[in-house]
């Protein structure tokens, strides 16, 4: 399987199937194939965040963009592009 296929399948596992562990495995494979590319770090960070592993999410975000080294959980959520829903209303970051 190639890099793009791992990214696509990881996104499918995460977004459509809710299989976080399978998504992480695919993003891990993409990272091994192209460690200097950024999308897989953001994507894997989103999965870690969804699992509640904020430290791992922060590590991935820092690999993708080191300027995010000291941010709150809310800032991390916004940086990863994850919306917070409260009573059906989307939070603005």
C-alpha atoms as a PDB file:
ATOM      1  CA  UNK A   1       0.000   0.000   0.000  1.00  0.00           C
ATOM      2  CA  UNK A   2       1.334   3.462  -0.826  1.00  0.00           C
ATOM      3  CA  UNK A   3       1.451   6.674   1.216  1.00  0.00           C
ATOM      4  CA  UNK A   4      -1.752   8.206  -0.191  1.00  0.00           C
ATOM      5  CA  UNK A   5      -3.671   4.970   0.344  1.00  0.00           C
ATOM      6  CA  UNK A   6      -2.630   4.867   4.002  1.00  0.00           C
ATOM      7  CA  UNK A   7      -3.738   8.483   4.484  1.00  0.00           C
ATOM      8  CA  UNK A   8      -7.083   7.859   2.799  1.00  0.00           C
ATOM      9  CA  UNK A   9      -7.753   4.653   4.710  1.00  0.00           C
ATOM     10  CA  UNK A  10      -6.698   6.247   8.004  1.00  0.00           C
ATOM     11  CA  UNK A  11      -9.156   9.079   7.414  1.00  0.00           C
ATOM     12  CA  UNK A  12     -11.873   6.572   6.549  1.00  0.00           C
ATOM     13  CA  UNK A  13     -11.240   4.575   9.727  1.00  0.00           C
ATOM     14  CA  UNK A  14     -11.314   7.745  11.803  1.00  0.00           C
ATOM     15  CA  UNK A  15     -14.114   9.751  10.205  1.00  0.00           C
ATOM     16  CA  UNK A  16     -16.459   7.087   8.880  1.00  0.00           C
ATOM     17  CA  UNK A  17     -15.872   3.995  10.998  1.00  0.00           C
ATOM     18  CA  UNK A  18     -14.723   5.434  14.299  1.00  0.00           C
ATOM     19  CA  UNK A  19     -11.923   2.866  14.484  1.00  0.00           C
ATOM     20  CA  UNK A  20      -9.268   5.022  16.111  1.00  0.00           C
ATOM     21  CA  UNK A  21      -6.656   2.316  16.550  1.00  0.00           C
ATOM     22  CA  UNK A  22      -6.826   1.283  12.888  1.00  0.00           C
ATOM     23  CA  UNK A  23      -6.607   4.940  11.859  1.00  0.00           C
ATOM     24  CA  UNK A  24      -3.491   5.438  13.977  1.00  0.00           C
ATOM     25  CA  UNK A  25      -1.877   2.344  12.435  1.00  0.00           C
ATOM     26  CA  UNK A  26      -2.440   3.728   8.922  1.00  0.00           C
ATOM     27  CA  UNK A  27      -1.127   7.164   9.856  1.00  0.00           C
ATOM     28  CA  UNK A  28       1.876   5.488  11.503  1.00  0.00           C
ATOM     29  CA  UNK A  29       2.559   3.662   8.216  1.00  0.00           C
ATOM     30  CA  UNK A  30       2.288   6.921   6.270  1.00  0.00           C
ATOM     31  CA  UNK A  31       4.775   8.539   8.654  1.00  0.00           C
ATOM     32  CA  UNK A  32       7.262   5.718   8.144  1.00  0.00           C
ATOM     33  CA  UNK A  33       6.953   6.132   4.372  1.00  0.00           C
ATOM     34  CA  UNK A  34       7.257   9.938   4.341  1.00  0.00           C
ATOM     35  CA  UNK A  35       8.336  11.246   7.740  1.00  0.00           C
ATOM     36  CA  UNK A  36       8.828  14.809   6.523  1.00  0.00           C
ATOM     37  CA  UNK A  37       5.272  15.242   5.216  1.00  0.00           C
ATOM     38  CA  UNK A  38       2.890  17.084   7.536  1.00  0.00           C
ATOM     39  CA  UNK A  39      -0.688  15.866   6.822  1.00  0.00           C
ATOM     40  CA  UNK A  40      -0.321  12.549   8.593  1.00  0.00           C
ATOM     41  CA  UNK A  41       0.816  14.264  11.792  1.00  0.00           C
ATOM     42  CA  UNK A  42      -2.257  16.519  11.845  1.00  0.00           C
ATOM     43  CA  UNK A  43      -4.528  13.571  11.055  1.00  0.00           C
ATOM     44  CA  UNK A  44      -2.977  11.319  13.690  1.00  0.00           C
ATOM     45  CA  UNK A  45      -3.158  14.202  16.170  1.00  0.00           C
ATOM     46  CA  UNK A  46      -6.897  14.482  15.568  1.00  0.00           C
ATOM     47  CA  UNK A  47      -7.321  10.785  16.317  1.00  0.00           C
ATOM     48  CA  UNK A  48      -5.278  11.049  19.517  1.00  0.00           C
ATOM     49  CA  UNK A  49      -7.370  14.052  20.553  1.00  0.00           C
ATOM     50  CA  UNK A  50     -10.596  12.127  19.892  1.00  0.00           C
ATOM     51  CA  UNK A  51      -9.265   9.291  22.059  1.00  0.00           C
ATOM     52  CA  UNK A  52      -8.540  11.765  24.858  1.00  0.00           C
ATOM     53  CA  UNK A  53      -4.771  11.394  24.560  1.00  0.00           C
ATOM     54  CA  UNK A  54      -3.990  15.110  24.560  1.00  0.00           C
ATOM     55  CA  UNK A  55      -0.266  14.659  25.120  1.00  0.00           C
ATOM     56  CA  UNK A  56       0.062  12.494  21.985  1.00  0.00           C
ATOM     57  CA  UNK A  57      -2.105  14.961  20.056  1.00  0.00           C
ATOM     58  CA  UNK A  58       0.190  17.795  21.131  1.00  0.00           C
ATOM     59  CA  UNK A  59       3.307  15.840  20.139  1.00  0.00           C
ATOM     60  CA  UNK A  60       1.905  15.257  16.647  1.00  0.00           C
ATOM     61  CA  UNK A  61       0.860  18.861  16.240  1.00  0.00           C
ATOM     62  CA  UNK A  62       4.334  20.000  17.329  1.00  0.00           C
ATOM     63  CA  UNK A  63       5.908  17.719  14.722  1.00  0.00           C
ATOM     64  CA  UNK A  64       3.691  19.264  12.083  1.00  0.00           C
ATOM     65  CA  UNK A  65       4.239  22.837  13.283  1.00  0.00           C
ATOM     66  CA  UNK A  66       6.620  23.576  16.203  1.00  0.00           C
ATOM     67  CA  UNK A  67       5.051  26.973  16.939  1.00  0.00           C
ATOM     68  CA  UNK A  68       2.318  25.115  18.858  1.00  0.00           C
ATOM     69  CA  UNK A  69       4.627  24.026  21.684  1.00  0.00           C
ATOM     70  CA  UNK A  70       2.727  25.595  24.598  1.00  0.00           C
ATOM     71  CA  UNK A  71      -1.013  25.744  24.165  1.00  0.00           C
ATOM     72  CA  UNK A  72      -4.076  24.850  26.160  1.00  0.00           C
ATOM     73  CA  UNK A  73      -6.350  21.913  25.349  1.00  0.00           C
ATOM     74  CA  UNK A  74      -8.837  24.346  23.780  1.00  0.00           C
ATOM     75  CA  UNK A  75      -6.111  25.916  21.645  1.00  0.00           C
ATOM     76  CA  UNK A  76      -4.990  22.422  20.636  1.00  0.00           C
ATOM     77  CA  UNK A  77      -8.558  21.542  19.619  1.00  0.00           C
ATOM     78  CA  UNK A  78      -8.740  24.663  17.479  1.00  0.00           C
ATOM     79  CA  UNK A  79      -5.299  24.122  15.940  1.00  0.00           C
ATOM     80  CA  UNK A  80      -6.324  20.627  14.901  1.00  0.00           C
ATOM     81  CA  UNK A  81      -9.520  21.996  13.383  1.00  0.00           C
ATOM     82  CA  UNK A  82     -11.808  20.055  15.711  1.00  0.00           C
ATOM     83  CA  UNK A  83     -15.014  21.894  16.414  1.00  0.00           C
ATOM     84  CA  UNK A  84     -16.662  21.804  19.807  1.00  0.00           C
ATOM     85  CA  UNK A  85     -20.395  21.355  19.666  1.00  0.00           C
ATOM     86  CA  UNK A  86     -22.514  22.749  22.454  1.00  0.00           C
ATOM     87  CA  UNK A  87     -26.255  22.346  22.051  1.00  0.00           C
ATOM     88  CA  UNK A  88     -25.837  22.018  18.318  1.00  0.00           C
ATOM     89  CA  UNK A  89     -23.843  25.252  17.983  1.00  0.00           C
ATOM     90  CA  UNK A  90     -20.317  25.174  16.637  1.00  0.00           C
ATOM     91  CA  UNK A  91     -17.726  26.908  18.754  1.00  0.00           C
ATOM     92  CA  UNK A  92     -15.614  29.530  17.052  1.00  0.00           C
ATOM     93  CA  UNK A  93     -11.883  29.256  17.589  1.00  0.00           C
END
